Amino acid sequence: MGRFKGWLRLPEDDPAQALHVEIDLDEERIAIRSDAGVEIGSWPLAEVGVHAEDDGFRLRVEGEHVVLTTEDDGRFALALGMAAGSPRLRRLMGAALRSSG
C-alpha cells in the first residue's frame, strides 16, 4: 500500500518537536520507524484506530494516542481506505486520485 515519510508526536506536544518517521503500510500492518531506522512500533491495522483531524491523523494504539502527519496525507488516507475527512483532506485525496489515474 505504501511507504510514507511523516512526523509523529503526542497530542499535547508542540508540532515543531515532532519526530521525523517513516511509515510502512500494507494491507494488514502499519510499521513506524525513526529516520535512523529504529522501530517505534508495528501493529496489525485491525488494532489501530485512525481518525483524521485538521492537525493530522490521530492514531490509537495499545491504549495510547499519537498524532501522525505525512508528506502526502491524501495518498495516506486513501491507502488506509478512508472515505471522509476534513475539506482539506478530501481535496488532498481527490488530488491523489487524479494523479494516480
N, C-alpha and C. Protein backbone atom coordinates (compact mmCIF):
# COMPACT_ATOMS: atom_id res chain seq x y z
N MET A 1 0.82 -1.19 0.00
CA MET A 1 0.00 0.00 0.00
C MET A 1 0.86 1.25 0.00
N GLY A 2 2.02 1.18 0.65
CA GLY A 2 2.86 2.35 0.51
C GLY A 2 3.84 2.59 1.63
N ARG A 3 4.79 3.42 1.29
CA ARG A 3 5.78 3.92 2.25
C ARG A 3 5.64 5.44 2.27
N PHE A 4 5.60 5.99 3.46
CA PHE A 4 5.37 7.41 3.64
C PHE A 4 6.40 7.98 4.59
N LYS A 5 6.69 9.24 4.43
CA LYS A 5 7.51 9.98 5.39
C LYS A 5 6.57 10.90 6.15
N GLY A 6 6.87 11.12 7.42
CA GLY A 6 6.00 11.97 8.20
C GLY A 6 6.59 12.35 9.54
N TRP A 7 5.72 12.78 10.43
CA TRP A 7 6.10 13.25 11.76
C TRP A 7 5.15 12.66 12.77
N LEU A 8 5.68 12.27 13.91
CA LEU A 8 4.91 11.64 14.98
C LEU A 8 5.11 12.43 16.26
N ARG A 9 4.02 12.66 16.97
CA ARG A 9 4.11 13.38 18.24
C ARG A 9 2.95 12.98 19.13
N LEU A 10 3.05 13.31 20.38
CA LEU A 10 1.92 13.15 21.31
C LEU A 10 0.98 14.32 21.09
N PRO A 11 -0.32 14.14 21.34
CA PRO A 11 -1.28 15.21 21.08
C PRO A 11 -0.97 16.52 21.79
N GLU A 12 -0.41 16.46 22.99
CA GLU A 12 -0.15 17.69 23.74
C GLU A 12 1.19 18.33 23.39
N ASP A 13 2.00 17.66 22.57
CA ASP A 13 3.32 18.20 22.22
C ASP A 13 3.23 19.25 21.12
N ASP A 14 4.21 20.13 21.11
CA ASP A 14 4.34 21.15 20.08
C ASP A 14 4.66 20.45 18.75
N PRO A 15 3.93 20.73 17.67
CA PRO A 15 4.21 20.09 16.38
C PRO A 15 5.65 20.30 15.91
N ALA A 16 6.27 21.40 16.32
CA ALA A 16 7.65 21.65 15.91
C ALA A 16 8.62 20.64 16.53
N GLN A 17 8.20 19.95 17.57
CA GLN A 17 9.05 18.98 18.26
C GLN A 17 8.77 17.54 17.82
N ALA A 18 7.97 17.36 16.77
CA ALA A 18 7.60 16.02 16.32
C ALA A 18 8.82 15.26 15.80
N LEU A 19 8.78 13.96 15.94
CA LEU A 19 9.84 13.07 15.49
C LEU A 19 9.61 12.72 14.03
N HIS A 20 10.65 12.90 13.21
CA HIS A 20 10.54 12.55 11.79
C HIS A 20 10.57 11.02 11.67
N VAL A 21 9.59 10.45 10.94
CA VAL A 21 9.45 9.00 10.87
C VAL A 21 9.20 8.53 9.44
N GLU A 22 9.36 7.24 9.25
CA GLU A 22 8.96 6.56 8.03
C GLU A 22 7.85 5.59 8.39
N ILE A 23 6.84 5.53 7.55
CA ILE A 23 5.68 4.68 7.80
C ILE A 23 5.58 3.68 6.66
N ASP A 24 5.55 2.40 7.01
CA ASP A 24 5.29 1.35 6.03
C ASP A 24 3.88 0.84 6.28
N LEU A 25 3.10 0.85 5.23
CA LEU A 25 1.69 0.48 5.34
C LEU A 25 1.41 -0.60 4.32
N ASP A 26 0.90 -1.74 4.78
CA ASP A 26 0.43 -2.75 3.84
C ASP A 26 -1.00 -3.09 4.20
N GLU A 27 -1.55 -4.10 3.57
CA GLU A 27 -2.97 -4.41 3.78
C GLU A 27 -3.28 -4.87 5.19
N GLU A 28 -2.26 -5.31 5.92
CA GLU A 28 -2.50 -5.88 7.24
C GLU A 28 -1.83 -5.14 8.39
N ARG A 29 -0.74 -4.40 8.12
CA ARG A 29 0.04 -3.81 9.20
C ARG A 29 0.46 -2.39 8.89
N ILE A 30 0.73 -1.66 9.97
CA ILE A 30 1.40 -0.37 9.89
C ILE A 30 2.65 -0.47 10.76
N ALA A 31 3.76 -0.04 10.20
CA ALA A 31 5.02 -0.03 10.94
C ALA A 31 5.58 1.39 10.88
N ILE A 32 6.03 1.88 12.01
CA ILE A 32 6.58 3.23 12.10
C ILE A 32 7.98 3.12 12.68
N ARG A 33 8.94 3.78 12.00
CA ARG A 33 10.31 3.79 12.50
C ARG A 33 10.90 5.18 12.36
N SER A 34 11.87 5.45 13.17
CA SER A 34 12.54 6.75 13.12
C SER A 34 13.39 6.84 11.86
N ASP A 35 13.84 8.05 11.54
CA ASP A 35 14.75 8.24 10.41
C ASP A 35 16.01 7.40 10.54
N ALA A 36 16.42 7.15 11.75
CA ALA A 36 17.63 6.35 11.99
C ALA A 36 17.37 4.86 11.83
N GLY A 37 16.13 4.48 11.55
CA GLY A 37 15.80 3.08 11.34
C GLY A 37 15.36 2.33 12.58
N VAL A 38 15.23 3.03 13.71
CA VAL A 38 14.80 2.39 14.95
C VAL A 38 13.29 2.21 14.90
N GLU A 39 12.83 0.97 15.07
CA GLU A 39 11.40 0.70 15.01
C GLU A 39 10.70 1.25 16.24
N ILE A 40 9.70 2.08 16.00
CA ILE A 40 8.87 2.62 17.08
C ILE A 40 7.77 1.63 17.40
N GLY A 41 7.23 1.01 16.35
CA GLY A 41 6.21 0.00 16.55
C GLY A 41 5.70 -0.54 15.24
N SER A 42 5.11 -1.72 15.33
CA SER A 42 4.47 -2.36 14.19
C SER A 42 3.22 -3.06 14.72
N TRP A 43 2.08 -2.72 14.10
CA TRP A 43 0.81 -3.21 14.62
C TRP A 43 -0.09 -3.68 13.49
N PRO A 44 -0.94 -4.66 13.77
CA PRO A 44 -1.97 -5.02 12.79
C PRO A 44 -2.92 -3.83 12.63
N LEU A 45 -3.30 -3.53 11.39
CA LEU A 45 -4.22 -2.40 11.16
C LEU A 45 -5.52 -2.57 11.93
N ALA A 46 -5.95 -3.81 12.11
CA ALA A 46 -7.20 -4.06 12.83
C ALA A 46 -7.13 -3.59 14.28
N GLU A 47 -5.91 -3.41 14.81
CA GLU A 47 -5.74 -2.99 16.20
C GLU A 47 -5.41 -1.50 16.34
N VAL A 48 -5.43 -0.77 15.22
CA VAL A 48 -5.08 0.65 15.23
C VAL A 48 -6.32 1.46 14.87
N GLY A 49 -6.72 2.34 15.76
CA GLY A 49 -7.80 3.26 15.45
C GLY A 49 -7.23 4.50 14.78
N VAL A 50 -7.80 4.90 13.66
CA VAL A 50 -7.31 6.07 12.93
C VAL A 50 -8.47 7.03 12.71
N HIS A 51 -8.23 8.29 13.05
CA HIS A 51 -9.23 9.33 12.86
C HIS A 51 -8.53 10.56 12.30
N ALA A 52 -9.02 11.08 11.20
CA ALA A 52 -8.41 12.27 10.58
C ALA A 52 -8.88 13.52 11.31
N GLU A 53 -7.93 14.37 11.67
CA GLU A 53 -8.20 15.66 12.27
C GLU A 53 -7.51 16.74 11.44
N ASP A 54 -7.76 18.00 11.74
CA ASP A 54 -7.12 19.08 11.00
C ASP A 54 -5.60 19.09 11.15
N ASP A 55 -5.11 18.62 12.30
CA ASP A 55 -3.66 18.66 12.54
C ASP A 55 -2.97 17.35 12.22
N GLY A 56 -3.66 16.40 11.63
CA GLY A 56 -3.06 15.12 11.27
C GLY A 56 -3.98 13.96 11.57
N PHE A 57 -3.43 12.79 11.54
CA PHE A 57 -4.18 11.58 11.83
C PHE A 57 -3.97 11.20 13.28
N ARG A 58 -5.06 11.02 13.99
CA ARG A 58 -4.98 10.56 15.38
C ARG A 58 -4.97 9.04 15.35
N LEU A 59 -3.92 8.45 15.87
CA LEU A 59 -3.82 7.00 15.96
C LEU A 59 -3.99 6.59 17.40
N ARG A 60 -4.81 5.57 17.61
CA ARG A 60 -4.98 4.98 18.94
C ARG A 60 -4.37 3.58 18.87
N VAL A 61 -3.26 3.42 19.59
CA VAL A 61 -2.52 2.17 19.56
C VAL A 61 -2.19 1.75 20.98
N GLU A 62 -2.56 0.54 21.33
CA GLU A 62 -2.26 0.00 22.66
C GLU A 62 -2.69 0.95 23.77
N GLY A 63 -3.84 1.59 23.60
CA GLY A 63 -4.37 2.48 24.61
C GLY A 63 -3.76 3.88 24.62
N GLU A 64 -2.82 4.14 23.75
CA GLU A 64 -2.17 5.45 23.67
C GLU A 64 -2.65 6.18 22.43
N HIS A 65 -2.60 7.51 22.47
CA HIS A 65 -2.97 8.34 21.33
C HIS A 65 -1.73 9.10 20.85
N VAL A 66 -1.53 9.11 19.54
CA VAL A 66 -0.45 9.88 18.93
C VAL A 66 -1.01 10.61 17.72
N VAL A 67 -0.30 11.63 17.28
CA VAL A 67 -0.68 12.38 16.09
C VAL A 67 0.37 12.10 15.02
N LEU A 68 -0.09 11.68 13.86
CA LEU A 68 0.79 11.39 12.74
C LEU A 68 0.41 12.29 11.58
N THR A 69 1.38 12.99 11.03
CA THR A 69 1.18 13.75 9.80
C THR A 69 2.15 13.18 8.78
N THR A 70 1.78 13.28 7.51
CA THR A 70 2.64 12.73 6.47
C THR A 70 2.93 13.80 5.42
N GLU A 71 3.89 13.49 4.57
CA GLU A 71 4.19 14.39 3.46
C GLU A 71 3.14 14.28 2.37
N ASP A 72 2.29 13.26 2.43
CA ASP A 72 1.24 13.05 1.44
C ASP A 72 -0.02 12.52 2.13
N ASP A 73 -0.68 13.40 2.88
CA ASP A 73 -1.85 12.99 3.66
C ASP A 73 -2.96 12.40 2.79
N GLY A 74 -3.14 12.93 1.59
CA GLY A 74 -4.19 12.41 0.70
C GLY A 74 -3.95 10.96 0.32
N ARG A 75 -2.74 10.66 -0.13
CA ARG A 75 -2.42 9.29 -0.52
C ARG A 75 -2.44 8.36 0.69
N PHE A 76 -1.99 8.85 1.86
CA PHE A 76 -2.01 8.05 3.08
C PHE A 76 -3.45 7.70 3.45
N ALA A 77 -4.34 8.69 3.40
CA ALA A 77 -5.76 8.44 3.72
C ALA A 77 -6.36 7.42 2.77
N LEU A 78 -6.05 7.54 1.48
CA LEU A 78 -6.57 6.57 0.51
C LEU A 78 -6.02 5.18 0.78
N ALA A 79 -4.74 5.08 1.13
CA ALA A 79 -4.13 3.79 1.42
C ALA A 79 -4.79 3.13 2.63
N LEU A 80 -5.23 3.94 3.57
CA LEU A 80 -5.93 3.41 4.75
C LEU A 80 -7.38 3.05 4.44
N GLY A 81 -7.87 3.47 3.28
CA GLY A 81 -9.26 3.20 2.93
C GLY A 81 -10.24 4.20 3.50
N MET A 82 -9.75 5.37 3.89
CA MET A 82 -10.64 6.39 4.43
C MET A 82 -11.52 6.94 3.32
N ALA A 83 -12.76 7.21 3.65
CA ALA A 83 -13.69 7.74 2.66
C ALA A 83 -14.09 9.18 2.97
N ALA A 84 -13.73 9.67 4.14
CA ALA A 84 -14.15 11.02 4.53
C ALA A 84 -13.05 11.68 5.35
N GLY A 85 -13.19 12.96 5.49
CA GLY A 85 -12.24 13.74 6.28
C GLY A 85 -12.61 15.20 6.18
N SER A 86 -11.73 16.04 6.66
CA SER A 86 -11.94 17.48 6.59
C SER A 86 -11.95 17.91 5.12
N PRO A 87 -12.47 19.11 4.83
CA PRO A 87 -12.43 19.58 3.43
C PRO A 87 -11.01 19.56 2.86
N ARG A 88 -10.01 19.95 3.66
CA ARG A 88 -8.63 19.92 3.21
C ARG A 88 -8.20 18.51 2.83
N LEU A 89 -8.51 17.53 3.69
CA LEU A 89 -8.12 16.15 3.42
C LEU A 89 -8.85 15.61 2.20
N ARG A 90 -10.12 15.94 2.05
CA ARG A 90 -10.86 15.48 0.86
C ARG A 90 -10.25 16.04 -0.42
N ARG A 91 -9.80 17.31 -0.39
CA ARG A 91 -9.12 17.88 -1.57
C ARG A 91 -7.83 17.13 -1.86
N LEU A 92 -7.06 16.83 -0.81
CA LEU A 92 -5.81 16.11 -1.00
C LEU A 92 -6.06 14.69 -1.53
N MET A 93 -7.12 14.05 -1.04
CA MET A 93 -7.46 12.71 -1.52
C MET A 93 -7.86 12.77 -2.99
N GLY A 94 -8.64 13.77 -3.36
CA GLY A 94 -9.03 13.93 -4.76
C GLY A 94 -7.83 14.17 -5.65
N ALA A 95 -6.91 14.99 -5.21
CA ALA A 95 -5.69 15.23 -5.99
C ALA A 95 -4.86 13.97 -6.13
N ALA A 96 -4.79 13.19 -5.07
CA ALA A 96 -4.03 11.93 -5.13
C ALA A 96 -4.67 10.96 -6.11
N LEU A 97 -5.99 10.91 -6.11
CA LEU A 97 -6.70 10.04 -7.06
C LEU A 97 -6.46 10.48 -8.50
N ARG A 98 -6.52 11.77 -8.74
CA ARG A 98 -6.30 12.28 -10.10
C ARG A 98 -4.88 12.02 -10.57
N SER A 99 -3.90 12.16 -9.67
CA SER A 99 -2.51 11.98 -10.09
C SER A 99 -2.16 10.50 -10.31
N SER A 100 -2.91 9.59 -9.68
CA SER A 100 -2.61 8.17 -9.85
C SER A 100 -3.32 7.56 -11.06
N GLY A 101 -4.24 8.31 -11.63
CA GLY A 101 -5.05 7.77 -12.72
C GLY A 101 -4.55 8.07 -14.04
